[in-house]
Amino acid sequence: MGDEAPTSIAEPEVDFVGIQHSERFQNLKKRHRSFVFPVLTLALLWYFAYVLLAGYAPDFMATPVFGAVNVGLLIGLGQVATTFIVTMVYVWYANKKLDPIAEEIRDDATKGEVR
């Protein structure tokens, strides 16, 4: 119950530039980009196809499939499904391929090591 200052544990300096230039970090970036860019490209193409069809092929989009459900509605629902599917696949990919490397880099950084 004195006027003692709280003790603190000194955290090691982190060499962010060294980490950024390390082979493991470059590999992490390459893995991330090799997944994100192709998936992003496909998702954008799929989205623009939907927008273009809606704008330039309204008769096709209005084609009945069953009951009051038409092609446009199915493609629109496919857009929503695509969002969830891409998210689930990315989470799986990140958990399996990206997070282990990121954890190693983070652990080494907190120890003051750069490999």
N, C-alpha and C. Protein backbone atom coordinates (compact mmCIF):
# COMPACT_ATOMS: atom_id res chain seq x y z
N MET A 1 0.81 -1.18 0.00
CA MET A 1 0.00 0.00 0.00
C MET A 1 0.85 1.24 0.00
N GLY A 2 2.00 1.12 -0.56
CA GLY A 2 2.90 2.27 -0.62
C GLY A 2 2.73 3.01 -1.93
N ASP A 3 3.65 3.90 -2.15
CA ASP A 3 3.64 4.68 -3.39
C ASP A 3 4.55 4.04 -4.43
N GLU A 4 4.49 2.74 -4.48
CA GLU A 4 5.37 2.02 -5.40
C GLU A 4 4.85 2.16 -6.83
N ALA A 5 5.78 2.38 -7.73
CA ALA A 5 5.43 2.45 -9.15
C ALA A 5 5.19 1.05 -9.67
N PRO A 6 4.23 0.88 -10.53
CA PRO A 6 3.99 -0.46 -11.09
C PRO A 6 5.19 -0.90 -11.90
N THR A 7 5.47 -2.17 -11.79
CA THR A 7 6.58 -2.71 -12.56
C THR A 7 6.12 -2.97 -13.97
N SER A 8 7.00 -2.74 -14.90
CA SER A 8 6.65 -3.02 -16.30
C SER A 8 7.73 -3.88 -16.91
N ILE A 9 7.30 -4.67 -17.81
CA ILE A 9 8.23 -5.55 -18.54
C ILE A 9 8.57 -4.84 -19.84
N ALA A 10 9.84 -4.68 -20.09
CA ALA A 10 10.27 -4.00 -21.31
C ALA A 10 9.99 -4.90 -22.50
N GLU A 11 9.31 -4.34 -23.48
CA GLU A 11 9.04 -5.08 -24.70
C GLU A 11 10.19 -4.87 -25.67
N PRO A 12 10.57 -5.91 -26.39
CA PRO A 12 11.69 -5.76 -27.33
C PRO A 12 11.32 -4.83 -28.48
N GLU A 13 12.30 -4.17 -29.01
CA GLU A 13 12.10 -3.35 -30.21
C GLU A 13 11.80 -4.30 -31.36
N VAL A 14 10.86 -3.92 -32.19
CA VAL A 14 10.49 -4.75 -33.33
C VAL A 14 11.05 -4.11 -34.59
N ASP A 15 11.78 -4.90 -35.36
CA ASP A 15 12.39 -4.43 -36.60
C ASP A 15 11.39 -4.66 -37.74
N PHE A 16 10.45 -3.71 -37.89
CA PHE A 16 9.41 -3.87 -38.89
C PHE A 16 9.96 -3.89 -40.31
N VAL A 17 10.96 -3.08 -40.57
CA VAL A 17 11.55 -3.05 -41.91
C VAL A 17 12.24 -4.38 -42.19
N GLY A 18 12.94 -4.90 -41.20
CA GLY A 18 13.59 -6.20 -41.37
C GLY A 18 12.59 -7.31 -41.62
N ILE A 19 11.48 -7.26 -40.88
CA ILE A 19 10.42 -8.26 -41.07
C ILE A 19 9.84 -8.15 -42.47
N GLN A 20 9.59 -6.91 -42.89
CA GLN A 20 9.00 -6.68 -44.20
C GLN A 20 9.89 -7.23 -45.32
N HIS A 21 11.19 -7.18 -45.14
CA HIS A 21 12.11 -7.65 -46.17
C HIS A 21 12.50 -9.12 -46.00
N SER A 22 12.00 -9.76 -44.94
CA SER A 22 12.38 -11.15 -44.70
C SER A 22 11.73 -12.07 -45.73
N GLU A 23 12.34 -13.21 -45.93
CA GLU A 23 11.84 -14.18 -46.91
C GLU A 23 10.47 -14.72 -46.51
N ARG A 24 10.27 -14.95 -45.21
CA ARG A 24 8.98 -15.49 -44.76
C ARG A 24 7.84 -14.49 -44.99
N PHE A 25 8.10 -13.21 -44.73
CA PHE A 25 7.06 -12.20 -44.95
C PHE A 25 6.76 -12.07 -46.44
N GLN A 26 7.79 -12.11 -47.27
CA GLN A 26 7.58 -12.05 -48.71
C GLN A 26 6.77 -13.25 -49.19
N ASN A 27 7.04 -14.41 -48.62
CA ASN A 27 6.28 -15.62 -48.95
C ASN A 27 4.83 -15.47 -48.51
N LEU A 28 4.61 -14.89 -47.34
CA LEU A 28 3.25 -14.65 -46.85
C LEU A 28 2.50 -13.72 -47.80
N LYS A 29 3.14 -12.64 -48.22
CA LYS A 29 2.50 -11.72 -49.16
C LYS A 29 2.19 -12.41 -50.49
N LYS A 30 3.13 -13.23 -50.96
CA LYS A 30 2.92 -13.93 -52.23
C LYS A 30 1.74 -14.89 -52.14
N ARG A 31 1.64 -15.64 -51.04
CA ARG A 31 0.52 -16.56 -50.86
C ARG A 31 -0.80 -15.82 -50.79
N HIS A 32 -0.81 -14.71 -50.07
CA HIS A 32 -2.03 -13.91 -49.93
C HIS A 32 -2.47 -13.40 -51.30
N ARG A 33 -1.55 -12.81 -52.02
CA ARG A 33 -1.88 -12.25 -53.34
C ARG A 33 -2.27 -13.32 -54.34
N SER A 34 -1.63 -14.48 -54.27
CA SER A 34 -1.94 -15.55 -55.23
C SER A 34 -3.35 -16.09 -55.02
N PHE A 35 -3.92 -15.87 -53.85
CA PHE A 35 -5.31 -16.25 -53.62
C PHE A 35 -6.25 -15.09 -53.93
N VAL A 36 -5.94 -13.92 -53.39
CA VAL A 36 -6.87 -12.79 -53.45
C VAL A 36 -7.08 -12.28 -54.87
N PHE A 37 -6.02 -12.08 -55.63
CA PHE A 37 -6.18 -11.47 -56.95
C PHE A 37 -7.00 -12.32 -57.91
N PRO A 38 -6.76 -13.63 -58.03
CA PRO A 38 -7.62 -14.43 -58.93
C PRO A 38 -9.08 -14.48 -58.47
N VAL A 39 -9.29 -14.63 -57.16
CA VAL A 39 -10.67 -14.70 -56.66
C VAL A 39 -11.37 -13.36 -56.85
N LEU A 40 -10.66 -12.27 -56.59
CA LEU A 40 -11.24 -10.94 -56.79
C LEU A 40 -11.59 -10.73 -58.26
N THR A 41 -10.71 -11.13 -59.15
CA THR A 41 -10.96 -10.98 -60.58
C THR A 41 -12.21 -11.76 -61.00
N LEU A 42 -12.30 -13.01 -60.57
CA LEU A 42 -13.48 -13.82 -60.92
C LEU A 42 -14.76 -13.23 -60.33
N ALA A 43 -14.71 -12.78 -59.09
CA ALA A 43 -15.91 -12.21 -58.46
C ALA A 43 -16.34 -10.93 -59.16
N LEU A 44 -15.39 -10.09 -59.55
CA LEU A 44 -15.75 -8.86 -60.26
C LEU A 44 -16.30 -9.14 -61.64
N LEU A 45 -15.72 -10.11 -62.35
CA LEU A 45 -16.26 -10.49 -63.66
C LEU A 45 -17.69 -11.02 -63.53
N TRP A 46 -17.92 -11.84 -62.53
CA TRP A 46 -19.25 -12.38 -62.27
C TRP A 46 -20.23 -11.25 -61.96
N TYR A 47 -19.80 -10.29 -61.16
CA TYR A 47 -20.66 -9.16 -60.80
C TYR A 47 -20.96 -8.29 -62.03
N PHE A 48 -19.92 -7.95 -62.80
CA PHE A 48 -20.13 -7.11 -63.98
C PHE A 48 -20.98 -7.82 -65.03
N ALA A 49 -20.85 -9.13 -65.14
CA ALA A 49 -21.71 -9.89 -66.05
C ALA A 49 -23.17 -9.73 -65.64
N TYR A 50 -23.43 -9.80 -64.34
CA TYR A 50 -24.80 -9.62 -63.83
C TYR A 50 -25.31 -8.22 -64.15
N VAL A 51 -24.50 -7.20 -63.90
CA VAL A 51 -24.92 -5.81 -64.16
C VAL A 51 -25.16 -5.60 -65.66
N LEU A 52 -24.25 -6.12 -66.49
CA LEU A 52 -24.40 -5.94 -67.94
C LEU A 52 -25.63 -6.68 -68.46
N LEU A 53 -25.85 -7.88 -67.96
CA LEU A 53 -27.06 -8.62 -68.36
C LEU A 53 -28.32 -7.87 -67.94
N ALA A 54 -28.31 -7.33 -66.75
CA ALA A 54 -29.48 -6.59 -66.27
C ALA A 54 -29.73 -5.34 -67.12
N GLY A 55 -28.64 -4.72 -67.57
CA GLY A 55 -28.80 -3.49 -68.35
C GLY A 55 -29.07 -3.72 -69.83
N TYR A 56 -28.43 -4.75 -70.40
CA TYR A 56 -28.50 -4.93 -71.85
C TYR A 56 -29.27 -6.17 -72.31
N ALA A 57 -29.66 -7.02 -71.39
CA ALA A 57 -30.44 -8.21 -71.77
C ALA A 57 -31.61 -8.40 -70.81
N PRO A 58 -32.45 -7.39 -70.69
CA PRO A 58 -33.56 -7.51 -69.73
C PRO A 58 -34.54 -8.64 -70.09
N ASP A 59 -34.69 -8.92 -71.37
CA ASP A 59 -35.59 -10.01 -71.76
C ASP A 59 -35.05 -11.35 -71.27
N PHE A 60 -33.74 -11.53 -71.39
CA PHE A 60 -33.12 -12.77 -70.89
C PHE A 60 -33.28 -12.87 -69.37
N MET A 61 -33.03 -11.76 -68.68
CA MET A 61 -33.13 -11.76 -67.22
C MET A 61 -34.57 -12.02 -66.75
N ALA A 62 -35.54 -11.63 -67.58
CA ALA A 62 -36.95 -11.82 -67.22
C ALA A 62 -37.48 -13.20 -67.59
N THR A 63 -36.62 -14.04 -68.18
CA THR A 63 -37.05 -15.38 -68.57
C THR A 63 -37.50 -16.17 -67.34
N PRO A 64 -38.74 -16.65 -67.35
CA PRO A 64 -39.22 -17.42 -66.19
C PRO A 64 -38.51 -18.77 -66.08
N VAL A 65 -38.20 -19.15 -64.86
CA VAL A 65 -37.59 -20.46 -64.61
C VAL A 65 -38.64 -21.39 -64.01
N PHE A 66 -39.29 -20.94 -62.95
CA PHE A 66 -40.43 -21.65 -62.37
C PHE A 66 -41.22 -20.65 -61.53
N GLY A 67 -42.51 -20.70 -61.66
CA GLY A 67 -43.37 -19.77 -60.92
C GLY A 67 -43.00 -18.33 -61.22
N ALA A 68 -42.85 -17.54 -60.17
CA ALA A 68 -42.49 -16.13 -60.31
C ALA A 68 -40.98 -15.92 -60.30
N VAL A 69 -40.21 -16.99 -60.29
CA VAL A 69 -38.75 -16.92 -60.25
C VAL A 69 -38.21 -16.84 -61.67
N ASN A 70 -37.38 -15.82 -61.92
CA ASN A 70 -36.80 -15.68 -63.26
C ASN A 70 -35.28 -15.77 -63.19
N VAL A 71 -34.65 -15.73 -64.34
CA VAL A 71 -33.19 -15.87 -64.43
C VAL A 71 -32.50 -14.76 -63.64
N GLY A 72 -32.99 -13.52 -63.74
CA GLY A 72 -32.38 -12.40 -63.03
C GLY A 72 -32.37 -12.60 -61.53
N LEU A 73 -33.47 -13.12 -61.00
CA LEU A 73 -33.54 -13.38 -59.57
C LEU A 73 -32.54 -14.46 -59.16
N LEU A 74 -32.44 -15.51 -59.95
CA LEU A 74 -31.49 -16.58 -59.63
C LEU A 74 -30.05 -16.09 -59.68
N ILE A 75 -29.73 -15.29 -60.70
CA ILE A 75 -28.37 -14.76 -60.79
C ILE A 75 -28.11 -13.80 -59.62
N GLY A 76 -29.10 -12.99 -59.26
CA GLY A 76 -28.95 -12.09 -58.11
C GLY A 76 -28.70 -12.85 -56.82
N LEU A 77 -29.46 -13.92 -56.61
CA LEU A 77 -29.23 -14.76 -55.43
C LEU A 77 -27.86 -15.44 -55.51
N GLY A 78 -27.44 -15.76 -56.73
CA GLY A 78 -26.09 -16.31 -56.92
C GLY A 78 -25.01 -15.32 -56.50
N GLN A 79 -25.27 -14.03 -56.71
CA GLN A 79 -24.32 -13.00 -56.26
C GLN A 79 -24.17 -13.02 -54.74
N VAL A 80 -25.29 -13.13 -54.05
CA VAL A 80 -25.26 -13.18 -52.58
C VAL A 80 -24.53 -14.45 -52.13
N ALA A 81 -24.86 -15.56 -52.75
CA ALA A 81 -24.21 -16.83 -52.39
C ALA A 81 -22.71 -16.75 -52.64
N THR A 82 -22.32 -16.11 -53.74
CA THR A 82 -20.90 -15.96 -54.06
C THR A 82 -20.16 -15.24 -52.95
N THR A 83 -20.77 -14.21 -52.40
CA THR A 83 -20.14 -13.45 -51.31
C THR A 83 -19.85 -14.36 -50.12
N PHE A 84 -20.83 -15.16 -49.74
CA PHE A 84 -20.64 -16.05 -48.60
C PHE A 84 -19.62 -17.15 -48.91
N ILE A 85 -19.68 -17.69 -50.11
CA ILE A 85 -18.75 -18.76 -50.48
C ILE A 85 -17.32 -18.24 -50.51
N VAL A 86 -17.10 -17.08 -51.12
CA VAL A 86 -15.75 -16.51 -51.18
C VAL A 86 -15.24 -16.24 -49.77
N THR A 87 -16.10 -15.73 -48.91
CA THR A 87 -15.69 -15.46 -47.53
C THR A 87 -15.30 -16.74 -46.81
N MET A 88 -16.10 -17.77 -46.93
CA MET A 88 -15.79 -19.04 -46.26
C MET A 88 -14.50 -19.66 -46.79
N VAL A 89 -14.32 -19.62 -48.10
CA VAL A 89 -13.10 -20.19 -48.69
C VAL A 89 -11.88 -19.39 -48.26
N TYR A 90 -12.00 -18.05 -48.21
CA TYR A 90 -10.86 -17.24 -47.77
C TYR A 90 -10.52 -17.52 -46.31
N VAL A 91 -11.51 -17.63 -45.46
CA VAL A 91 -11.24 -17.93 -44.05
C VAL A 91 -10.53 -19.27 -43.92
N TRP A 92 -10.99 -20.27 -44.66
CA TRP A 92 -10.33 -21.58 -44.63
C TRP A 92 -8.89 -21.44 -45.11
N TYR A 93 -8.69 -20.75 -46.24
CA TYR A 93 -7.35 -20.58 -46.80
C TYR A 93 -6.44 -19.84 -45.82
N ALA A 94 -6.93 -18.76 -45.24
CA ALA A 94 -6.13 -17.99 -44.30
C ALA A 94 -5.76 -18.83 -43.07
N ASN A 95 -6.71 -19.59 -42.55
CA ASN A 95 -6.43 -20.43 -41.38
C ASN A 95 -5.36 -21.48 -41.67
N LYS A 96 -5.42 -22.05 -42.87
CA LYS A 96 -4.49 -23.14 -43.21
C LYS A 96 -3.15 -22.66 -43.77
N LYS A 97 -3.17 -21.62 -44.59
CA LYS A 97 -1.97 -21.24 -45.34
C LYS A 97 -1.32 -19.94 -44.89
N LEU A 98 -2.09 -19.01 -44.35
CA LEU A 98 -1.53 -17.70 -44.01
C LEU A 98 -1.26 -17.53 -42.53
N ASP A 99 -2.20 -17.91 -41.70
CA ASP A 99 -2.07 -17.68 -40.27
C ASP A 99 -0.86 -18.36 -39.63
N PRO A 100 -0.54 -19.61 -39.99
CA PRO A 100 0.65 -20.22 -39.38
C PRO A 100 1.93 -19.42 -39.64
N ILE A 101 2.08 -18.93 -40.85
CA ILE A 101 3.27 -18.13 -41.18
C ILE A 101 3.24 -16.81 -40.42
N ALA A 102 2.07 -16.17 -40.39
CA ALA A 102 1.93 -14.90 -39.68
C ALA A 102 2.22 -15.07 -38.19
N GLU A 103 1.79 -16.17 -37.60
CA GLU A 103 2.05 -16.43 -36.19
C GLU A 103 3.55 -16.62 -35.93
N GLU A 104 4.23 -17.33 -36.83
CA GLU A 104 5.68 -17.49 -36.68
C GLU A 104 6.39 -16.14 -36.74
N ILE A 105 6.00 -15.34 -37.70
CA ILE A 105 6.61 -14.01 -37.84
C ILE A 105 6.34 -13.18 -36.59
N ARG A 106 5.11 -13.21 -36.10
CA ARG A 106 4.74 -12.44 -34.91
C ARG A 106 5.51 -12.95 -33.67
N ASP A 107 5.60 -14.28 -33.52
CA ASP A 107 6.33 -14.84 -32.37
C ASP A 107 7.80 -14.42 -32.40
N ASP A 108 8.40 -14.51 -33.58
CA ASP A 108 9.81 -14.10 -33.69
C ASP A 108 9.97 -12.61 -33.44
N ALA A 109 9.02 -11.81 -33.88
CA ALA A 109 9.10 -10.37 -33.68
C ALA A 109 9.03 -10.02 -32.20
N THR A 110 8.19 -10.72 -31.45
CA THR A 110 8.08 -10.42 -30.03
C THR A 110 9.31 -10.89 -29.26
N LYS A 111 10.07 -11.83 -29.84
CA LYS A 111 11.32 -12.27 -29.23
C LYS A 111 12.49 -11.40 -29.69
N GLY A 112 12.22 -10.51 -30.63
CA GLY A 112 13.29 -9.66 -31.14
C GLY A 112 14.11 -10.33 -32.23
N GLU A 113 13.57 -11.36 -32.85
CA GLU A 113 14.27 -12.08 -33.91
C GLU A 113 13.66 -11.75 -35.27
N VAL A 114 14.51 -11.71 -36.28
CA VAL A 114 14.05 -11.58 -37.67
C VAL A 114 14.79 -12.63 -38.46
N ARG A 115 14.02 -13.50 -39.12
CA ARG A 115 14.66 -14.54 -39.94
C ARG A 115 14.40 -14.28 -41.39
